[in-house]
Amino acid sequence: MNWEKIMKKYPEANFLQSPAYGKMNEILGYKVISEDFNDKGWALMIVRDAKRGRYLEIPCGPLIDWEDKKLARKVCERISEIAKREKCVFVRIRPQLMANKKNLQILADLGLKKSPMHLAAEHTVLIDLTLSEEELLANMRRQTRYDVRRAGKLGIVVEKNRDKKIFEEFHKVQAETAKRQNFIPPDLKTVLAEREAFGDNISIYTARTAEGEAIAYGMIIQNEHEGDYYEAASTLLNRKLPGAHALLWQAMQDLKKVNCKRFNLWGIAPTGQPNHRYAGVTTFKTGFGGEVVEYVPAHDLVISKIGYLKDYVVETARKKKRHL
């Protein structure tokens, strides 16, 4: 089953199950395994080596009909076989399923255990790009719409580029942003691997003043159905100028031109968690309208009970420390 067919059969699919994401991980030295389950589903799996134990990661997958209980069980059995072959302690998956009692019960019935850590933006904002530009603007929060228009009046310009130099510039500024906002950014090797693997489907958007000073950066990854605001960075100018607003609006317009169906703003805080690491960006992202979406949390398929217990204790403590 090729990726184009997969996206048509599973329109909820995003780049984390794509061959390009697999290639990116291979560039970084990880073992990548793909399985098509006799054309009834798809899973891109990455073998992760951690000090606390090796595990198999399936972000935003597997892509299957989860309501087909027989198929779901066979898929989990096959994934378990692969994990044992690769000497993994557990398998971590985060399916593209909405968080509701029905879907959570499906996972529980398969013997999956809720993970102590998140995987791949469980809470996000999805913007419907099939709407007109006028409708998109109308759906924005009043202040957001004002800032989008103010950016134009201030002469803020948004550039789209995928040269190696701009990825290096983005990485440098993101490292500075991370120090201010207390998060762990990807290293330069990862950023450049993403550029190489995704090719023409990845770009760095940069919002600059009329004088050319950088305000905000955004890494946008796209496929036929979805554009993703995957990574971001900003300078101190972004505190007083609406650079990030201009950047996202330009990205939305560009994605519409290539008939992309939706824009995933990639990561907001869960409701009622003001100390969450994404709390600061949640107000900004939800201001663009769209639908606030909650996927099922990451779940683990335990292979080695003793090894998994060690991992569970470590990750539970880490989650609390990082306000995840």
C-alpha atoms as a PDB file:
ATOM      1  CA  MET A   1       0.000   0.000   0.000  1.00  0.00           C
ATOM      2  CA  ASN A   2       1.624   3.295  -1.032  1.00  0.00           C
ATOM      3  CA  TRP A   3       1.345   6.513   0.959  1.00  0.00           C
ATOM      4  CA  GLU A   4      -1.092   8.183  -1.463  1.00  0.00           C
ATOM      5  CA  LYS A   5      -3.519   5.272  -1.100  1.00  0.00           C
ATOM      6  CA  ILE A   6      -3.094   5.303   2.670  1.00  0.00           C
ATOM      7  CA  MET A   7      -4.037   8.988   2.899  1.00  0.00           C
ATOM      8  CA  LYS A   8      -7.139   8.421   0.779  1.00  0.00           C
ATOM      9  CA  LYS A   9      -8.228   5.483   2.927  1.00  0.00           C
ATOM     10  CA  TYR A  10      -7.267   7.190   6.196  1.00  0.00           C
ATOM     11  CA  PRO A  11      -7.657  10.963   5.670  1.00  0.00           C
ATOM     12  CA  GLU A  12      -6.847  11.536   9.342  1.00  0.00           C
ATOM     13  CA  ALA A  13      -3.245  10.480   8.619  1.00  0.00           C
ATOM     14  CA  ASN A  14      -0.500  13.039   9.110  1.00  0.00           C
ATOM     15  CA  PHE A  15       3.212  13.186   8.352  1.00  0.00           C
ATOM     16  CA  LEU A  16       4.231  11.146  11.422  1.00  0.00           C
ATOM     17  CA  GLN A  17       3.115   7.979   9.624  1.00  0.00           C
ATOM     18  CA  SER A  18       4.629   8.990   6.284  1.00  0.00           C
ATOM     19  CA  PRO A  19       7.619   7.384   4.539  1.00  0.00           C
ATOM     20  CA  ALA A  20       9.343  10.783   4.760  1.00  0.00           C
ATOM     21  CA  TYR A  21       9.178  10.675   8.558  1.00  0.00           C
ATOM     22  CA  GLY A  22      10.622   7.197   8.384  1.00  0.00           C
ATOM     23  CA  LYS A  23      13.449   8.462   6.193  1.00  0.00           C
ATOM     24  CA  MET A  24      14.147  11.280   8.640  1.00  0.00           C
ATOM     25  CA  ASN A  25      14.524   8.786  11.479  1.00  0.00           C
ATOM     26  CA  GLU A  26      16.779   6.574   9.379  1.00  0.00           C
ATOM     27  CA  ILE A  27      19.031   9.577   8.660  1.00  0.00           C
ATOM     28  CA  LEU A  28      19.297  10.021  12.428  1.00  0.00           C
ATOM     29  CA  GLY A  29      20.314   6.394  12.866  1.00  0.00           C
ATOM     30  CA  TYR A  30      17.065   4.828  14.090  1.00  0.00           C
ATOM     31  CA  LYS A  31      15.683   1.560  12.787  1.00  0.00           C
ATOM     32  CA  VAL A  32      12.364   2.068  10.998  1.00  0.00           C
ATOM     33  CA  ILE A  33       9.855  -0.700  10.267  1.00  0.00           C
ATOM     34  CA  SER A  34       6.724  -0.375   8.130  1.00  0.00           C
ATOM     35  CA  GLU A  35       3.869  -2.860   7.890  1.00  0.00           C
ATOM     36  CA  ASP A  36       0.805  -2.704   5.629  1.00  0.00           C
ATOM     37  CA  PHE A  37      -1.290  -5.518   7.219  1.00  0.00           C
ATOM     38  CA  ASN A  38      -2.457  -6.940   3.872  1.00  0.00           C
ATOM     39  CA  ASP A  39      -3.744  -3.574   2.639  1.00  0.00           C
ATOM     40  CA  LYS A  40      -6.126  -3.297   5.608  1.00  0.00           C
ATOM     41  CA  GLY A  41      -3.968  -0.901   7.575  1.00  0.00           C
ATOM     42  CA  TRP A  42      -0.595   0.728   7.965  1.00  0.00           C
ATOM     43  CA  ALA A  43       1.943   1.281  10.729  1.00  0.00           C
ATOM     44  CA  LEU A  44       5.238   3.118  10.611  1.00  0.00           C
ATOM     45  CA  MET A  45       7.279   2.012  13.640  1.00  0.00           C
ATOM     46  CA  ILE A  46      10.510   3.423  15.029  1.00  0.00           C
ATOM     47  CA  VAL A  47      12.786   1.518  17.381  1.00  0.00           C
ATOM     48  CA  ARG A  48      13.869   3.873  20.163  1.00  0.00           C
ATOM     49  CA  ASP A  49      16.820   3.131  22.435  1.00  0.00           C
ATOM     50  CA  ALA A  50      16.538   4.702  25.885  1.00  0.00           C
ATOM     51  CA  LYS A  51      18.627   4.171  29.013  1.00  0.00           C
ATOM     52  CA  ARG A  52      15.576   2.763  30.766  1.00  0.00           C
ATOM     53  CA  GLY A  53      14.864   0.278  27.958  1.00  0.00           C
ATOM     54  CA  ARG A  54      14.296  -0.124  24.224  1.00  0.00           C
ATOM     55  CA  TYR A  55      10.795   0.473  22.915  1.00  0.00           C
ATOM     56  CA  LEU A  56       8.832   0.614  19.681  1.00  0.00           C
ATOM     57  CA  GLU A  57       7.124   3.925  18.856  1.00  0.00           C
ATOM     58  CA  ILE A  58       4.079   4.316  16.564  1.00  0.00           C
ATOM     59  CA  PRO A  59       3.129   8.025  16.478  1.00  0.00           C
ATOM     60  CA  CYS A  60      -0.362   8.832  15.127  1.00  0.00           C
ATOM     61  CA  GLY A  61      -0.902   5.218  14.213  1.00  0.00           C
ATOM     62  CA  PRO A  62      -1.470   2.447  13.419  1.00  0.00           C
ATOM     63  CA  LEU A  63      -3.883   3.530  10.698  1.00  0.00           C
ATOM     64  CA  ILE A  64      -6.597   0.883  10.793  1.00  0.00           C
ATOM     65  CA  ASP A  65     -10.333   0.507  11.295  1.00  0.00           C
ATOM     66  CA  TRP A  66     -10.251   0.267  15.082  1.00  0.00           C
ATOM     67  CA  GLU A  67     -13.902  -0.770  15.233  1.00  0.00           C
ATOM     68  CA  ASP A  68     -13.003  -3.962  13.395  1.00  0.00           C
ATOM     69  CA  LYS A  69     -12.128  -5.841  16.588  1.00  0.00           C
ATOM     70  CA  LYS A  70     -10.717  -8.871  14.801  1.00  0.00           C
ATOM     71  CA  LEU A  71      -8.417  -6.740  12.665  1.00  0.00           C
ATOM     72  CA  ALA A  72      -7.326  -4.576  15.608  1.00  0.00           C
ATOM     73  CA  ARG A  73      -6.395  -7.644  17.635  1.00  0.00           C
ATOM     74  CA  LYS A  74      -4.417  -9.153  14.739  1.00  0.00           C
ATOM     75  CA  VAL A  75      -2.576  -5.862  14.238  1.00  0.00           C
ATOM     76  CA  CYS A  76      -1.673  -5.658  17.939  1.00  0.00           C
ATOM     77  CA  GLU A  77      -0.476  -9.275  17.861  1.00  0.00           C
ATOM     78  CA  ARG A  78       1.717  -8.557  14.845  1.00  0.00           C
ATOM     79  CA  ILE A  79       3.131  -5.408  16.425  1.00  0.00           C
ATOM     80  CA  SER A  80       3.862  -7.393  19.592  1.00  0.00           C
ATOM     81  CA  GLU A  81       5.761  -9.973  17.516  1.00  0.00           C
ATOM     82  CA  ILE A  82       7.857  -7.230  15.935  1.00  0.00           C
ATOM     83  CA  ALA A  83       8.565  -5.655  19.333  1.00  0.00           C
ATOM     84  CA  LYS A  84       9.731  -8.994  20.755  1.00  0.00           C
ATOM     85  CA  ARG A  85      11.920  -9.570  17.704  1.00  0.00           C
ATOM     86  CA  GLU A  86      13.508  -6.144  18.248  1.00  0.00           C
ATOM     87  CA  LYS A  87      13.943  -6.874  21.978  1.00  0.00           C
ATOM     88  CA  CYS A  88      11.691  -3.989  23.050  1.00  0.00           C
ATOM     89  CA  VAL A  89      10.333  -3.571  26.565  1.00  0.00           C
ATOM     90  CA  PHE A  90       7.061  -2.068  25.319  1.00  0.00           C
ATOM     91  CA  VAL A  91       5.284  -0.505  22.334  1.00  0.00           C
ATOM     92  CA  ARG A  92       4.041   3.090  22.572  1.00  0.00           C
ATOM     93  CA  ILE A  93       1.216   4.056  20.235  1.00  0.00           C
ATOM     94  CA  ARG A  94      -1.003   7.113  19.870  1.00  0.00           C
ATOM     95  CA  PRO A  95      -3.746   6.355  17.344  1.00  0.00           C
ATOM     96  CA  GLN A  96      -5.582   9.060  15.395  1.00  0.00           C
ATOM     97  CA  LEU A  97      -8.731   8.412  17.411  1.00  0.00           C
ATOM     98  CA  MET A  98     -10.848  11.030  19.147  1.00  0.00           C
ATOM     99  CA  ALA A  99     -10.763  10.882  22.930  1.00  0.00           C
ATOM    100  CA  ASN A 100     -14.100   9.421  23.970  1.00  0.00           C
ATOM    101  CA  LYS A 101     -15.321   6.511  26.101  1.00  0.00           C
ATOM    102  CA  LYS A 102     -15.914   4.277  23.097  1.00  0.00           C
ATOM    103  CA  ASN A 103     -12.401   4.614  21.688  1.00  0.00           C
ATOM    104  CA  LEU A 104     -10.728   4.386  25.092  1.00  0.00           C
ATOM    105  CA  GLN A 105     -12.641   1.152  25.735  1.00  0.00           C
ATOM    106  CA  ILE A 106     -11.485  -0.244  22.376  1.00  0.00           C
ATOM    107  CA  LEU A 107      -7.869   0.274  23.423  1.00  0.00           C
ATOM    108  CA  ALA A 108      -8.451  -1.115  26.907  1.00  0.00           C
ATOM    109  CA  ASP A 109     -10.088  -4.245  25.480  1.00  0.00           C
ATOM    110  CA  LEU A 110      -6.931  -4.834  23.446  1.00  0.00           C
ATOM    111  CA  GLY A 111      -4.856  -4.852  26.640  1.00  0.00           C
ATOM    112  CA  LEU A 112      -3.278  -1.454  26.045  1.00  0.00           C
ATOM    113  CA  LYS A 113      -2.279   0.595  29.092  1.00  0.00           C
ATOM    114  CA  LYS A 114      -2.432   4.405  29.254  1.00  0.00           C
ATOM    115  CA  SER A 115       1.091   5.762  28.912  1.00  0.00           C
ATOM    116  CA  PRO A 116       2.671   8.022  31.547  1.00  0.00           C
ATOM    117  CA  MET A 117       3.971  10.287  28.754  1.00  0.00           C
ATOM    118  CA  HIS A 118       2.347  11.990  25.777  1.00  0.00           C
ATOM    119  CA  LEU A 119       3.157  11.280  22.152  1.00  0.00           C
ATOM    120  CA  ALA A 120       2.505  13.612  19.203  1.00  0.00           C
ATOM    121  CA  ALA A 121       0.227  16.518  20.146  1.00  0.00           C
ATOM    122  CA  GLU A 122      -2.755  14.846  21.776  1.00  0.00           C
ATOM    123  CA  HIS A 123      -4.475  18.238  22.112  1.00  0.00           C
ATOM    124  CA  THR A 124      -4.466  20.557  19.122  1.00  0.00           C
ATOM    125  CA  VAL A 125      -6.388  23.009  16.950  1.00  0.00           C
ATOM    126  CA  LEU A 126      -7.499  21.990  13.453  1.00  0.00           C
ATOM    127  CA  ILE A 127      -8.471  24.764  11.047  1.00  0.00           C
ATOM    128  CA  ASP A 128     -10.760  23.944   8.116  1.00  0.00           C
ATOM    129  CA  LEU A 129      -8.992  25.356   5.055  1.00  0.00           C
ATOM    130  CA  THR A 130     -11.906  24.600   2.741  1.00  0.00           C
ATOM    131  CA  LEU A 131     -13.509  27.778   4.123  1.00  0.00           C
ATOM    132  CA  SER A 132     -13.030  31.063   2.281  1.00  0.00           C
ATOM    133  CA  GLU A 133     -10.469  33.584   3.513  1.00  0.00           C
ATOM    134  CA  GLU A 134     -13.340  35.804   4.650  1.00  0.00           C
ATOM    135  CA  GLU A 135     -14.801  32.937   6.697  1.00  0.00           C
ATOM    136  CA  LEU A 136     -11.395  32.099   8.183  1.00  0.00           C
ATOM    137  CA  LEU A 137     -10.939  35.696   9.305  1.00  0.00           C
ATOM    138  CA  ALA A 138     -14.473  35.824  10.682  1.00  0.00           C
ATOM    139  CA  ASN A 139     -13.821  32.687  12.764  1.00  0.00           C
ATOM    140  CA  MET A 140     -10.802  34.253  14.459  1.00  0.00           C
ATOM    141  CA  ARG A 141     -10.966  35.820  17.883  1.00  0.00           C
ATOM    142  CA  ARG A 142     -11.455  39.568  17.568  1.00  0.00           C
ATOM    143  CA  GLN A 143      -7.975  40.386  18.922  1.00  0.00           C
ATOM    144  CA  THR A 144      -6.332  37.822  16.630  1.00  0.00           C
ATOM    145  CA  ARG A 145      -8.088  39.239  13.575  1.00  0.00           C
ATOM    146  CA  TYR A 146      -6.998  42.735  14.643  1.00  0.00           C
ATOM    147  CA  ASP A 147      -3.361  41.611  14.981  1.00  0.00           C
ATOM    148  CA  VAL A 148      -3.415  39.869  11.583  1.00  0.00           C
ATOM    149  CA  ARG A 149      -4.561  43.111   9.969  1.00  0.00           C
ATOM    150  CA  ARG A 150      -2.210  45.234  12.076  1.00  0.00           C
ATOM    151  CA  ALA A 151       0.734  43.181  10.792  1.00  0.00           C
ATOM    152  CA  GLY A 152      -0.051  44.317   7.259  1.00  0.00           C
ATOM    153  CA  LYS A 153      -0.287  47.950   8.306  1.00  0.00           C
ATOM    154  CA  LEU A 154       3.087  47.685  10.056  1.00  0.00           C
ATOM    155  CA  GLY A 155       4.696  46.385   6.870  1.00  0.00           C
ATOM    156  CA  ILE A 156       5.555  42.965   8.315  1.00  0.00           C
ATOM    157  CA  VAL A 157       6.617  40.618   5.532  1.00  0.00           C
ATOM    158  CA  VAL A 158       6.477  36.815   5.641  1.00  0.00           C
ATOM    159  CA  GLU A 159       9.031  34.819   3.665  1.00  0.00           C
ATOM    160  CA  LYS A 160       8.862  31.108   2.782  1.00  0.00           C
ATOM    161  CA  ASN A 161      12.196  29.370   2.260  1.00  0.00           C
ATOM    162  CA  ARG A 162      13.764  25.927   2.455  1.00  0.00           C
ATOM    163  CA  ASP A 163      17.435  26.715   1.907  1.00  0.00           C
ATOM    164  CA  LYS A 164      19.806  25.058   4.350  1.00  0.00           C
ATOM    165  CA  LYS A 165      20.867  28.472   5.661  1.00  0.00           C
ATOM    166  CA  ILE A 166      17.354  29.370   6.865  1.00  0.00           C
ATOM    167  CA  PHE A 167      17.027  26.018   8.672  1.00  0.00           C
ATOM    168  CA  GLU A 168      20.294  26.753  10.458  1.00  0.00           C
ATOM    169  CA  GLU A 169      19.062  30.255  11.315  1.00  0.00           C
ATOM    170  CA  PHE A 170      15.786  28.808  12.580  1.00  0.00           C
ATOM    171  CA  HIS A 171      17.633  26.333  14.799  1.00  0.00           C
ATOM    172  CA  LYS A 172      19.784  29.062  16.326  1.00  0.00           C
ATOM    173  CA  VAL A 173      16.805  31.273  17.155  1.00  0.00           C
ATOM    174  CA  GLN A 174      14.781  28.333  18.459  1.00  0.00           C
ATOM    175  CA  ALA A 175      17.616  27.467  20.854  1.00  0.00           C
ATOM    176  CA  GLU A 176      17.433  31.047  22.189  1.00  0.00           C
ATOM    177  CA  THR A 177      13.632  30.792  22.404  1.00  0.00           C
ATOM    178  CA  ALA A 178      13.930  27.532  24.335  1.00  0.00           C
ATOM    179  CA  LYS A 179      16.116  29.156  26.978  1.00  0.00           C
ATOM    180  CA  ARG A 180      13.530  31.909  27.510  1.00  0.00           C
ATOM    181  CA  GLN A 181      10.529  29.595  27.516  1.00  0.00           C
ATOM    182  CA  ASN A 182      12.115  26.570  29.213  1.00  0.00           C
ATOM    183  CA  PHE A 183      11.634  23.773  26.677  1.00  0.00           C
ATOM    184  CA  ILE A 184      13.997  21.318  24.974  1.00  0.00           C
ATOM    185  CA  PRO A 185      14.376  22.072  21.238  1.00  0.00           C
ATOM    186  CA  PRO A 186      15.478  19.587  18.563  1.00  0.00           C
ATOM    187  CA  ASP A 187      19.184  19.670  17.738  1.00  0.00           C
ATOM    188  CA  LEU A 188      20.534  20.924  14.429  1.00  0.00           C
ATOM    189  CA  LYS A 189      21.105  17.386  13.161  1.00  0.00           C
ATOM    190  CA  THR A 190      17.380  16.664  13.559  1.00  0.00           C
ATOM    191  CA  VAL A 191      16.308  19.909  11.897  1.00  0.00           C
ATOM    192  CA  LEU A 192      18.540  19.244   8.888  1.00  0.00           C
ATOM    193  CA  ALA A 193      17.368  15.617   8.703  1.00  0.00           C
ATOM    194  CA  GLU A 194      13.778  16.883   8.529  1.00  0.00           C
ATOM    195  CA  ARG A 195      14.756  19.206   5.692  1.00  0.00           C
ATOM    196  CA  GLU A 196      16.425  16.380   3.771  1.00  0.00           C
ATOM    197  CA  ALA A 197      13.663  13.832   4.305  1.00  0.00           C
ATOM    198  CA  PHE A 198      10.604  15.994   3.611  1.00  0.00           C
ATOM    199  CA  GLY A 199      12.086  17.812   0.624  1.00  0.00           C
ATOM    200  CA  ASP A 200       9.695  20.267  -1.002  1.00  0.00           C
ATOM    201  CA  ASN A 201       7.023  19.509   1.624  1.00  0.00           C
ATOM    202  CA  ILE A 202       8.822  21.342   4.425  1.00  0.00           C
ATOM    203  CA  SER A 203       9.527  25.070   4.679  1.00  0.00           C
ATOM    204  CA  ILE A 204      10.588  27.683   7.185  1.00  0.00           C
ATOM    205  CA  TYR A 205       8.316  30.720   7.284  1.00  0.00           C
ATOM    206  CA  THR A 206       9.902  33.886   8.661  1.00  0.00           C
ATOM    207  CA  ALA A 207       8.072  37.054   9.644  1.00  0.00           C
ATOM    208  CA  ARG A 208      10.285  40.141   9.393  1.00  0.00           C
ATOM    209  CA  THR A 209       9.870  43.845   9.953  1.00  0.00           C
ATOM    210  CA  ALA A 210       9.867  46.224   6.994  1.00  0.00           C
ATOM    211  CA  GLU A 211      13.561  46.753   7.821  1.00  0.00           C
ATOM    212  CA  GLY A 212      14.293  43.028   7.601  1.00  0.00           C
ATOM    213  CA  GLU A 213      14.599  42.150  11.290  1.00  0.00           C
ATOM    214  CA  ALA A 214      13.351  38.666  12.163  1.00  0.00           C
ATOM    215  CA  ILE A 215      10.312  38.461  14.455  1.00  0.00           C
ATOM    216  CA  ALA A 216       8.998  34.900  14.277  1.00  0.00           C
ATOM    217  CA  TYR A 217       9.746  31.587  12.573  1.00  0.00           C
ATOM    218  CA  GLY A 218       7.557  28.574  11.833  1.00  0.00           C
ATOM    219  CA  MET A 219       8.390  25.151  10.431  1.00  0.00           C
ATOM    220  CA  ILE A 220       5.495  24.037   8.220  1.00  0.00           C
ATOM    221  CA  ILE A 221       5.204  20.459   6.956  1.00  0.00           C
ATOM    222  CA  GLN A 222       2.485  19.602   4.468  1.00  0.00           C
ATOM    223  CA  ASN A 223       0.931  16.762   2.533  1.00  0.00           C
ATOM    224  CA  GLU A 224      -2.111  16.501   0.297  1.00  0.00           C
ATOM    225  CA  HIS A 225      -4.576  16.768   3.182  1.00  0.00           C
ATOM    226  CA  GLU A 226      -2.867  18.596   6.019  1.00  0.00           C
ATOM    227  CA  GLY A 227      -0.414  21.361   6.834  1.00  0.00           C
ATOM    228  CA  ASP A 228       1.308  21.231  10.228  1.00  0.00           C
ATOM    229  CA  TYR A 229       2.728  24.112  12.264  1.00  0.00           C
ATOM    230  CA  TYR A 230       5.279  21.691  13.670  1.00  0.00           C
ATOM    231  CA  GLU A 231       7.975  23.868  15.219  1.00  0.00           C
ATOM    232  CA  ALA A 232       8.268  27.565  16.069  1.00  0.00           C
ATOM    233  CA  ALA A 233      10.763  30.164  17.247  1.00  0.00           C
ATOM    234  CA  SER A 234      10.740  33.885  17.909  1.00  0.00           C
ATOM    235  CA  THR A 235      12.905  36.835  18.768  1.00  0.00           C
ATOM    236  CA  LEU A 236      12.180  39.403  21.464  1.00  0.00           C
ATOM    237  CA  LEU A 237      10.472  41.545  18.807  1.00  0.00           C
ATOM    238  CA  ASN A 238       7.574  39.078  18.803  1.00  0.00           C
ATOM    239  CA  ARG A 239       6.542  40.344  22.233  1.00  0.00           C
ATOM    240  CA  LYS A 240       5.433  43.653  20.780  1.00  0.00           C
ATOM    241  CA  LEU A 241       4.899  42.953  17.074  1.00  0.00           C
ATOM    242  CA  PRO A 242       2.342  40.525  15.571  1.00  0.00           C
ATOM    243  CA  GLY A 243       4.904  38.562  13.591  1.00  0.00           C
ATOM    244  CA  ALA A 244       3.583  35.122  14.526  1.00  0.00           C
ATOM    245  CA  HIS A 245       0.058  36.235  13.582  1.00  0.00           C
ATOM    246  CA  ALA A 246       1.237  37.316  10.143  1.00  0.00           C
ATOM    247  CA  LEU A 247       3.182  34.067   9.729  1.00  0.00           C
ATOM    248  CA  LEU A 248       0.249  31.768  10.435  1.00  0.00           C
ATOM    249  CA  TRP A 249      -2.126  33.770   8.269  1.00  0.00           C
ATOM    250  CA  GLN A 250       0.312  33.604   5.339  1.00  0.00           C
ATOM    251  CA  ALA A 251       0.755  29.864   5.856  1.00  0.00           C
ATOM    252  CA  MET A 252      -3.021  29.378   5.838  1.00  0.00           C
ATOM    253  CA  GLN A 253      -3.334  31.311   2.585  1.00  0.00           C
ATOM    254  CA  ASP A 254      -0.499  29.349   0.951  1.00  0.00           C
ATOM    255  CA  LEU A 255      -1.930  25.980   2.034  1.00  0.00           C
ATOM    256  CA  LYS A 256      -5.325  26.936   0.626  1.00  0.00           C
ATOM    257  CA  LYS A 257      -3.733  27.669  -2.754  1.00  0.00           C
ATOM    258  CA  VAL A 258      -2.538  24.064  -3.032  1.00  0.00           C
ATOM    259  CA  ASN A 259      -5.955  22.751  -1.894  1.00  0.00           C
ATOM    260  CA  CYS A 260      -4.756  21.532   1.490  1.00  0.00           C
ATOM    261  CA  LYS A 261      -7.827  20.606   3.544  1.00  0.00           C
ATOM    262  CA  ARG A 262      -6.779  21.478   7.090  1.00  0.00           C
ATOM    263  CA  PHE A 263      -4.122  23.229   9.158  1.00  0.00           C
ATOM    264  CA  ASN A 264      -2.924  21.538  12.345  1.00  0.00           C
ATOM    265  CA  LEU A 265      -1.502  24.055  14.847  1.00  0.00           C
ATOM    266  CA  TRP A 266       0.195  21.181  16.669  1.00  0.00           C
ATOM    267  CA  GLY A 267      -0.018  21.258  20.416  1.00  0.00           C
ATOM    268  CA  ILE A 268      -2.056  23.141  23.016  1.00  0.00           C
ATOM    269  CA  ALA A 269      -2.570  22.636  26.733  1.00  0.00           C
ATOM    270  CA  PRO A 270      -5.384  20.378  27.943  1.00  0.00           C
ATOM    271  CA  THR A 271      -8.371  22.234  29.380  1.00  0.00           C
ATOM    272  CA  GLY A 272      -7.907  23.224  33.006  1.00  0.00           C
ATOM    273  CA  GLN A 273      -4.112  22.842  33.123  1.00  0.00           C
ATOM    274  CA  PRO A 274      -2.694  26.400  33.470  1.00  0.00           C
ATOM    275  CA  ASN A 275       0.776  25.072  34.376  1.00  0.00           C
ATOM    276  CA  HIS A 276       1.089  22.859  31.292  1.00  0.00           C
ATOM    277  CA  ARG A 277       4.144  23.541  29.107  1.00  0.00           C
ATOM    278  CA  TYR A 278       1.843  24.584  26.221  1.00  0.00           C
ATOM    279  CA  ALA A 279      -0.310  26.936  28.300  1.00  0.00           C
ATOM    280  CA  GLY A 280       1.513  29.981  26.971  1.00  0.00           C
ATOM    281  CA  VAL A 281       0.771  29.247  23.320  1.00  0.00           C
ATOM    282  CA  THR A 282      -2.769  27.968  23.788  1.00  0.00           C
ATOM    283  CA  THR A 283      -4.432  31.390  23.845  1.00  0.00           C
ATOM    284  CA  PHE A 284      -2.485  32.380  20.737  1.00  0.00           C
ATOM    285  CA  LYS A 285      -3.369  29.245  18.747  1.00  0.00           C
ATOM    286  CA  THR A 286      -7.024  29.051  19.718  1.00  0.00           C
ATOM    287  CA  GLY A 287      -7.398  32.675  18.635  1.00  0.00           C
ATOM    288  CA  PHE A 288      -7.286  31.540  15.001  1.00  0.00           C
ATOM    289  CA  GLY A 289     -10.593  29.746  15.313  1.00  0.00           C
ATOM    290  CA  GLY A 290     -10.842  26.170  14.180  1.00  0.00           C
ATOM    291  CA  GLU A 291     -11.799  23.118  16.187  1.00  0.00           C
ATOM    292  CA  VAL A 292     -10.098  22.185  19.438  1.00  0.00           C
ATOM    293  CA  VAL A 293      -9.408  18.468  19.099  1.00  0.00           C
ATOM    294  CA  GLU A 294      -8.424  15.916  21.715  1.00  0.00           C
ATOM    295  CA  TYR A 295      -7.061  12.574  20.580  1.00  0.00           C
ATOM    296  CA  VAL A 296      -6.794   9.516  22.791  1.00  0.00           C
ATOM    297  CA  PRO A 297      -3.655   9.675  24.933  1.00  0.00           C
ATOM    298  CA  ALA A 298      -0.645   7.532  24.163  1.00  0.00           C
ATOM    299  CA  HIS A 299      -1.041   3.901  25.168  1.00  0.00           C
ATOM    300  CA  ASP A 300       1.531   1.216  25.843  1.00  0.00           C
ATOM    301  CA  LEU A 301       1.547  -2.426  24.877  1.00  0.00           C
ATOM    302  CA  VAL A 302       3.674  -4.057  27.551  1.00  0.00           C
ATOM    303  CA  ILE A 303       6.158  -6.692  26.383  1.00  0.00           C
ATOM    304  CA  SER A 304       8.333  -7.039  29.503  1.00  0.00           C
ATOM    305  CA  LYS A 305       6.509  -6.310  32.783  1.00  0.00           C
ATOM    306  CA  ILE A 306       9.661  -5.868  34.845  1.00  0.00           C
ATOM    307  CA  GLY A 307      11.359  -3.592  32.320  1.00  0.00           C
ATOM    308  CA  TYR A 308       8.189  -1.579  31.788  1.00  0.00           C
ATOM    309  CA  LEU A 309       7.715  -0.929  35.526  1.00  0.00           C
ATOM    310  CA  LYS A 310      11.115   0.770  35.636  1.00  0.00           C
ATOM    311  CA  ASP A 311      10.234   2.940  32.658  1.00  0.00           C
ATOM    312  CA  TYR A 312       6.804   3.806  34.086  1.00  0.00           C
ATOM    313  CA  VAL A 313       8.266   5.099  37.353  1.00  0.00           C
ATOM    314  CA  VAL A 314      10.914   7.226  35.600  1.00  0.00           C
ATOM    315  CA  GLU A 315       8.493   8.732  33.063  1.00  0.00           C
ATOM    316  CA  THR A 316       5.822   9.499  35.644  1.00  0.00           C
ATOM    317  CA  ALA A 317       8.362  11.522  37.645  1.00  0.00           C
ATOM    318  CA  ARG A 318       9.621  13.261  34.492  1.00  0.00           C
ATOM    319  CA  LYS A 319       6.095  14.222  33.422  1.00  0.00           C
ATOM    320  CA  LYS A 320       5.441  15.885  36.763  1.00  0.00           C
ATOM    321  CA  LYS A 321       8.765  17.733  36.714  1.00  0.00           C
ATOM    322  CA  ARG A 322       8.256  19.088  33.172  1.00  0.00           C
ATOM    323  CA  HIS A 323       4.588  20.070  33.703  1.00  0.00           C
ATOM    324  CA  LEU A 324       3.488  17.863  30.819  1.00  0.00           C
END
